[in-house]
Amino acid sequence: VLSGEYQPGEFSSHVVTVTAPIQAVTIDGVSIRDGHADASANPGVGAESGGGLLCMDSCHLHINNVRFVDNSAALNGGAVAILGTGDVMISNTEFHDNEAGQDGGAVYMQKHSIYSSTAQLANVTAAGNKAVRGGVIASRLLENTENDLVLFVGNSTFHDNAATDTGGAVANLADQYSEYGAEIAMTLSSVTITGNKAIFGGGAIYNKNYHQQSGNIPSPVTTVIDNSILWDNTSLNGAPGSANWVIRNDGAGTGTNISWSILQHGCDGNTCSNLSLLDPMLGPLGRHRSPTQVRVPAVGSPAVDNGAAVCSLEDQRGVPR
């Protein structure tokens, strides 16, 4: 266990810090907990982000078989903050009860450079995480950025996370127009997103472009979802089934394409095909002989033996489909 509580009631700003590694860094088989990122102990760039792990500059990072618990950040990335160019893989990992004062209760990734940044999450479970935007994940494309920020999430479960503004599970945020053609592109494949909450729309997902200056083309912010379940996600504003209730696309250039998935309340103003509106009949979050906690569908669930012909060969538990 790597703990940020170095003596009773005293906490480090970051449990782990990685700065411009020459080679890829692997963190495997540990628990990272009780990091509280603020500027009181170590002021400077990134001081208030990444309570569990802060990666600066060139972030070539593989996180595997790690549990992030009870970390917090005054700004972004309660558990993990990736600030700068990134090539990040997170696998077989759980995030529990982490909190950010702004974006990304569990994971925050921002891009502000001439190089593309990528993040892949596979077999990840996140529960009980909180932020203003993006209870689990927040991505941000800063101004004057060249090339794309690309995120892929597969075989993962986001359950019972919350945002006090938007994006109960996920928030993708672009600050600029597409002078350089940069965009945020997220893919969610075989992902279970359930029981997440937001106040102002996007109980599950929020896509936003802040740059609305006349005469400029906003950076695209797009999410593609397939073979996934979105159920019991709520927003306090609006009514079930209304646009923005589950997924909110806010601003020109934002959009979501959903196929071969179970989506409560229907298409909700998105681009959709081959949807089911039937209750997926999921059990409670638990271990179920899985390296990460999952919600298993009951016998007779419409989530069993349905979906697109092309999908991952195993589910999050490692069980063949």
Protein backbone atom coordinates (compact mmCIF):
# COMPACT_ATOMS: atom_id res chain seq x y z
CA VAL A 1 0.00 0.00 0.00
CA LEU A 2 1.32 3.44 -0.94
CA SER A 3 -0.35 5.93 1.35
CA GLY A 4 -0.22 9.71 1.33
CA GLU A 5 -0.85 9.83 5.07
CA TYR A 6 2.75 9.96 6.26
CA GLN A 7 1.70 10.58 9.85
CA PRO A 8 -1.74 10.78 11.49
CA GLY A 9 -3.66 13.68 9.98
CA GLU A 10 -0.76 14.73 7.70
CA PHE A 11 -1.05 14.03 3.96
CA SER A 12 1.25 14.38 0.96
CA SER A 13 0.08 16.29 -2.11
CA HIS A 14 0.80 13.37 -4.47
CA VAL A 15 1.46 9.78 -3.47
CA VAL A 16 3.32 9.18 -6.75
CA THR A 17 4.83 11.78 -9.09
CA VAL A 18 6.20 10.98 -12.56
CA THR A 19 8.00 13.75 -14.44
CA ALA A 20 9.13 13.46 -18.08
CA PRO A 21 10.25 9.80 -17.98
CA ILE A 22 12.83 8.76 -20.57
CA GLN A 23 11.20 5.35 -20.86
CA ALA A 24 7.71 4.08 -20.16
CA VAL A 25 6.91 3.75 -16.45
CA THR A 26 4.91 0.78 -15.16
CA ILE A 27 3.07 0.80 -11.81
CA ASP A 28 1.76 -2.67 -10.97
CA GLY A 29 0.14 -4.46 -8.06
CA VAL A 30 -0.23 -1.75 -5.42
CA SER A 31 -2.90 0.31 -3.68
CA ILE A 32 -2.53 4.10 -3.83
CA ARG A 33 -4.58 5.97 -1.27
CA ASP A 34 -5.00 9.10 0.84
CA GLY A 35 -3.15 11.56 -1.37
CA HIS A 36 -4.56 15.09 -1.11
CA ALA A 37 -3.28 17.42 -3.83
CA ASP A 38 -3.25 21.07 -2.87
CA ALA A 39 -0.75 23.91 -3.01
CA SER A 40 -0.09 24.12 0.73
CA ALA A 41 2.77 21.62 0.79
CA ASN A 42 4.33 21.90 -2.67
CA PRO A 43 3.18 24.97 -4.61
CA GLY A 44 3.77 25.01 -8.36
CA VAL A 45 2.39 23.66 -11.64
CA GLY A 46 0.21 20.63 -11.00
CA ALA A 47 0.30 21.05 -7.23
CA GLU A 48 -3.49 20.92 -6.96
CA SER A 49 -4.06 17.97 -9.31
CA GLY A 50 -3.48 14.22 -9.09
CA GLY A 51 -3.89 13.30 -5.44
CA GLY A 52 -2.89 9.69 -6.05
CA LEU A 53 -0.64 10.11 -9.08
CA LEU A 54 0.58 13.17 -10.97
CA CYS A 55 2.32 12.78 -14.33
CA MET A 56 3.88 15.87 -15.89
CA ASP A 57 5.23 16.64 -19.37
CA SER A 58 5.82 13.45 -21.41
CA CYS A 59 3.69 10.79 -19.72
CA HIS A 60 4.39 7.29 -21.03
CA LEU A 61 2.68 5.31 -18.33
CA HIS A 62 1.16 1.85 -17.74
CA ILE A 63 -0.96 1.42 -14.61
CA ASN A 64 -1.96 -2.21 -14.02
CA ASN A 65 -3.65 -4.01 -11.13
CA VAL A 66 -3.80 -0.89 -8.95
CA ARG A 67 -6.48 0.34 -6.51
CA PHE A 68 -6.89 4.10 -6.06
CA VAL A 69 -8.86 4.82 -2.87
CA ASP A 70 -9.78 8.03 -1.03
CA ASN A 71 -7.52 10.37 -2.99
CA SER A 72 -8.50 13.97 -3.66
CA ALA A 73 -7.37 17.04 -5.58
CA ALA A 74 -8.28 20.69 -5.14
CA LEU A 75 -8.42 21.01 -8.94
CA ASN A 76 -8.35 18.07 -11.34
CA GLY A 77 -7.87 14.32 -11.19
CA GLY A 78 -8.74 13.18 -7.71
CA ALA A 79 -6.78 9.95 -8.22
CA VAL A 80 -4.77 10.47 -11.45
CA ALA A 81 -3.85 13.62 -13.37
CA ILE A 82 -2.06 13.48 -16.73
CA LEU A 83 -0.81 16.98 -17.57
CA GLY A 84 0.92 17.19 -20.95
CA THR A 85 1.57 14.80 -23.82
CA GLY A 86 0.46 11.33 -22.82
CA ASP A 87 0.51 7.71 -23.90
CA VAL A 88 -1.31 6.11 -21.00
CA MET A 89 -2.67 2.62 -20.41
CA ILE A 90 -4.76 1.79 -17.32
CA SER A 91 -5.79 -1.86 -16.95
CA ASN A 92 -7.27 -4.17 -14.31
CA THR A 93 -7.59 -1.19 -11.98
CA GLU A 94 -10.22 0.15 -9.57
CA PHE A 95 -11.03 3.70 -8.47
CA HIS A 96 -13.08 4.09 -5.29
CA ASP A 97 -14.20 7.25 -3.48
CA ASN A 98 -11.79 9.69 -5.09
CA GLU A 99 -12.78 13.35 -5.47
CA ALA A 100 -11.72 16.39 -7.52
CA GLY A 101 -12.61 20.02 -6.80
CA GLN A 102 -13.10 20.61 -10.52
CA ASP A 103 -12.75 17.95 -13.24
CA GLY A 104 -12.20 14.19 -13.23
CA GLY A 105 -13.03 12.57 -9.91
CA ALA A 106 -10.85 9.56 -10.77
CA VAL A 107 -8.86 10.47 -13.91
CA TYR A 108 -8.07 13.78 -15.60
CA MET A 109 -6.16 14.05 -18.86
CA GLN A 110 -5.37 17.31 -20.62
CA LYS A 111 -3.54 18.11 -23.83
CA HIS A 112 -1.63 21.25 -24.71
CA SER A 113 1.17 20.39 -27.14
CA ILE A 114 1.95 19.65 -30.77
CA TYR A 115 1.81 15.87 -30.24
CA SER A 116 -1.19 13.59 -30.06
CA SER A 117 -2.16 12.13 -26.69
CA THR A 118 -3.85 8.80 -26.12
CA ALA A 119 -5.35 7.03 -23.12
CA GLN A 120 -6.66 3.48 -22.96
CA LEU A 121 -8.66 2.07 -20.06
CA ALA A 122 -9.39 -1.67 -20.06
CA ASN A 123 -11.02 -3.75 -17.32
CA VAL A 124 -11.43 -0.71 -15.08
CA THR A 125 -14.06 -0.21 -12.38
CA ALA A 126 -14.89 3.19 -10.87
CA ALA A 127 -17.43 3.66 -8.06
CA GLY A 128 -18.19 6.44 -5.61
CA ASN A 129 -15.99 9.06 -7.28
CA LYS A 130 -17.00 12.75 -7.39
CA ALA A 131 -16.14 15.95 -9.27
CA VAL A 132 -17.75 19.09 -10.61
CA ARG A 133 -17.49 17.71 -14.16
CA GLY A 134 -16.76 14.09 -14.99
CA GLY A 135 -17.30 11.97 -11.90
CA VAL A 136 -14.91 9.33 -13.27
CA ILE A 137 -13.06 10.76 -16.30
CA ALA A 138 -12.54 14.27 -17.60
CA SER A 139 -10.54 15.05 -20.73
CA ARG A 140 -9.58 18.57 -21.72
CA LEU A 141 -8.21 20.01 -24.97
CA LEU A 142 -6.56 23.32 -24.14
CA GLU A 143 -6.30 26.32 -26.47
CA ASN A 144 -3.66 26.46 -29.23
CA THR A 145 -3.34 22.68 -29.27
CA GLU A 146 -2.23 20.72 -32.32
CA ASN A 147 -3.26 17.10 -32.94
CA ASP A 148 -5.83 15.06 -31.11
CA LEU A 149 -6.71 13.78 -27.68
CA VAL A 150 -7.92 10.20 -28.17
CA LEU A 151 -9.43 8.04 -25.43
CA PHE A 152 -10.60 4.42 -25.54
CA VAL A 153 -12.47 2.69 -22.72
CA GLY A 154 -13.27 -1.01 -23.00
CA ASN A 155 -14.69 -3.77 -20.77
CA SER A 156 -15.17 -1.38 -17.86
CA THR A 157 -17.80 -0.45 -15.27
CA PHE A 158 -18.64 3.07 -14.01
CA HIS A 159 -21.22 2.86 -11.24
CA ASP A 160 -22.60 5.32 -8.69
CA ASN A 161 -20.34 8.27 -9.45
CA ALA A 162 -21.45 11.90 -9.30
CA ALA A 163 -20.87 15.36 -10.74
CA THR A 164 -22.13 18.51 -9.07
CA ASP A 165 -22.37 20.14 -12.51
CA THR A 166 -22.32 17.91 -15.60
CA GLY A 167 -21.13 14.46 -16.68
CA GLY A 168 -21.88 12.05 -13.86
CA ALA A 169 -19.35 9.56 -15.27
CA VAL A 170 -17.58 11.26 -18.20
CA ALA A 171 -16.86 14.84 -19.33
CA ASN A 172 -15.01 15.72 -22.54
CA LEU A 173 -14.15 19.44 -22.65
CA ALA A 174 -12.59 21.51 -25.45
CA ASP A 175 -11.42 25.09 -24.86
CA GLN A 176 -10.59 26.05 -28.42
CA TYR A 177 -11.64 26.29 -32.03
CA SER A 178 -10.06 23.92 -34.58
CA GLU A 179 -7.37 26.18 -36.00
CA TYR A 180 -5.08 23.14 -36.06
CA GLY A 181 -7.77 20.53 -36.67
CA ALA A 182 -7.44 19.07 -33.16
CA GLU A 183 -10.31 17.17 -31.57
CA ILE A 184 -11.33 15.02 -28.63
CA ALA A 185 -12.38 11.56 -29.74
CA MET A 186 -13.63 9.04 -27.16
CA THR A 187 -14.73 5.45 -27.77
CA LEU A 188 -16.65 3.44 -25.16
CA SER A 189 -16.89 -0.24 -26.08
CA SER A 190 -18.44 -2.91 -23.85
CA VAL A 191 -18.79 -0.47 -20.97
CA THR A 192 -21.44 -0.54 -18.22
CA ILE A 193 -22.40 2.97 -17.06
CA THR A 194 -25.04 2.80 -14.33
CA GLY A 195 -26.39 4.81 -11.43
CA ASN A 196 -24.33 7.95 -12.09
CA LYS A 197 -25.70 11.42 -11.31
CA ALA A 198 -25.26 15.01 -12.45
CA ILE A 199 -27.08 18.24 -11.72
CA PHE A 200 -27.20 20.11 -15.03
CA GLY A 201 -27.47 17.34 -17.61
CA GLY A 202 -25.40 14.43 -18.80
CA GLY A 203 -26.12 12.02 -15.99
CA ALA A 204 -23.72 9.66 -17.78
CA ILE A 205 -21.75 11.72 -20.35
CA TYR A 206 -21.13 15.39 -21.11
CA ASN A 207 -19.44 16.69 -24.28
CA LYS A 208 -18.66 20.41 -24.37
CA ASN A 209 -16.93 22.94 -26.61
CA TYR A 210 -16.45 26.22 -24.76
CA HIS A 211 -15.14 28.22 -27.72
CA GLN A 212 -18.14 29.78 -29.46
CA GLN A 213 -16.40 32.81 -31.01
CA SER A 214 -18.10 33.91 -34.21
CA GLY A 215 -16.23 33.00 -37.39
CA ASN A 216 -14.21 30.14 -35.88
CA ILE A 217 -14.88 26.43 -36.26
CA PRO A 218 -15.10 24.74 -32.85
CA SER A 219 -12.93 21.70 -32.15
CA PRO A 220 -14.95 18.51 -32.57
CA VAL A 221 -15.80 16.65 -29.36
CA THR A 222 -17.20 13.23 -30.26
CA THR A 223 -18.10 10.06 -28.37
CA VAL A 224 -18.73 6.68 -30.01
CA ILE A 225 -20.47 4.01 -27.92
CA ASP A 226 -21.04 0.37 -28.85
CA ASN A 227 -21.98 -2.87 -27.08
CA SER A 228 -22.57 -0.94 -23.85
CA ILE A 229 -25.19 -0.43 -21.14
CA LEU A 230 -26.34 2.99 -19.92
CA TRP A 231 -28.97 2.56 -17.21
CA ASP A 232 -30.24 4.45 -14.15
CA ASN A 233 -28.13 7.52 -14.87
CA THR A 234 -29.93 10.69 -13.81
CA SER A 235 -29.83 14.46 -13.98
CA LEU A 236 -31.68 16.72 -11.57
CA ASN A 237 -32.48 19.17 -14.38
CA GLY A 238 -34.90 18.00 -17.05
CA ALA A 239 -37.19 15.02 -17.26
CA PRO A 240 -36.42 11.37 -18.06
CA GLY A 241 -36.29 10.88 -21.81
CA SER A 242 -35.61 14.54 -22.56
CA ALA A 243 -32.54 15.66 -24.46
CA ASN A 244 -29.51 16.04 -22.17
CA TRP A 245 -30.88 13.70 -19.49
CA VAL A 246 -28.36 10.85 -19.95
CA ILE A 247 -25.97 12.31 -22.54
CA ARG A 248 -25.54 16.03 -23.06
CA ASN A 249 -23.83 17.43 -26.18
CA ASP A 250 -23.25 21.14 -25.55
CA GLY A 251 -21.97 23.44 -28.30
CA ALA A 252 -21.23 23.21 -32.00
CA GLY A 253 -19.03 20.29 -33.02
CA THR A 254 -20.14 17.99 -30.20
CA GLY A 255 -21.96 14.71 -30.76
CA THR A 256 -22.49 11.11 -29.67
CA ASN A 257 -23.01 8.02 -31.84
CA ILE A 258 -24.51 4.98 -30.08
CA SER A 259 -25.02 1.50 -31.56
CA TRP A 260 -25.77 -2.02 -30.37
CA SER A 261 -26.34 -0.84 -26.82
CA ILE A 262 -28.95 -0.68 -24.06
CA LEU A 263 -29.90 2.96 -23.48
CA GLN A 264 -32.57 3.83 -20.96
CA HIS A 265 -34.98 6.57 -22.12
CA GLY A 266 -34.05 6.12 -25.77
CA CYS A 267 -31.84 8.00 -28.18
CA ASP A 268 -31.97 11.27 -26.24
CA GLY A 269 -31.09 13.48 -29.23
CA ASN A 270 -28.02 11.47 -30.27
CA THR A 271 -27.23 9.46 -33.41
CA CYS A 272 -28.43 5.93 -32.67
CA SER A 273 -28.87 2.50 -34.24
CA ASN A 274 -29.74 -0.98 -32.98
CA LEU A 275 -30.71 0.11 -29.47
CA SER A 276 -32.59 -1.74 -26.77
CA LEU A 277 -34.66 0.07 -24.14
CA LEU A 278 -35.20 -3.07 -22.03
CA ASP A 279 -34.00 -3.39 -18.43
CA PRO A 280 -30.57 -5.09 -18.53
CA MET A 281 -31.35 -6.89 -15.24
CA LEU A 282 -27.97 -6.26 -13.65
CA GLY A 283 -26.93 -7.61 -10.28
CA PRO A 284 -25.14 -5.54 -7.62
CA LEU A 285 -21.55 -4.46 -8.01
CA GLY A 286 -19.31 -7.25 -6.76
CA ARG A 287 -16.19 -9.32 -7.32
CA HIS A 288 -17.83 -12.28 -9.13
CA ARG A 289 -14.46 -14.03 -9.64
CA SER A 290 -13.31 -10.97 -11.55
CA PRO A 291 -10.07 -9.01 -11.09
CA THR A 292 -12.21 -5.86 -10.95
CA GLN A 293 -15.75 -5.48 -9.62
CA VAL A 294 -18.59 -5.86 -12.12
CA ARG A 295 -22.38 -5.97 -12.38
CA VAL A 296 -23.39 -9.33 -13.85
CA PRO A 297 -26.60 -9.57 -15.95
CA ALA A 298 -29.19 -12.09 -14.81
CA VAL A 299 -30.36 -15.03 -16.86
CA GLY A 300 -32.73 -13.68 -19.50
CA SER A 301 -31.15 -10.24 -19.62
CA PRO A 302 -31.31 -8.54 -23.04
CA ALA A 303 -27.60 -7.79 -22.56
CA VAL A 304 -26.71 -11.50 -22.92
CA ASP A 305 -25.83 -12.81 -26.40
CA ASN A 306 -26.82 -9.57 -28.09
CA GLY A 307 -24.81 -6.73 -29.58
CA ALA A 308 -22.63 -6.28 -32.62
CA ALA A 309 -20.91 -9.30 -34.15
CA VAL A 310 -17.53 -7.64 -33.70
CA CYS A 311 -16.66 -7.18 -30.02
CA SER A 312 -14.03 -8.17 -27.49
CA LEU A 313 -13.70 -11.94 -27.09
CA GLU A 314 -13.99 -11.80 -23.27
CA ASP A 315 -16.03 -9.73 -20.86
CA GLN A 316 -14.62 -7.70 -17.96
CA ARG A 317 -14.37 -10.85 -15.81
CA GLY A 318 -12.29 -12.61 -18.46
CA VAL A 319 -15.20 -14.92 -19.32
CA PRO A 320 -15.50 -15.78 -23.07
CA ARG A 321 -18.45 -14.11 -24.76
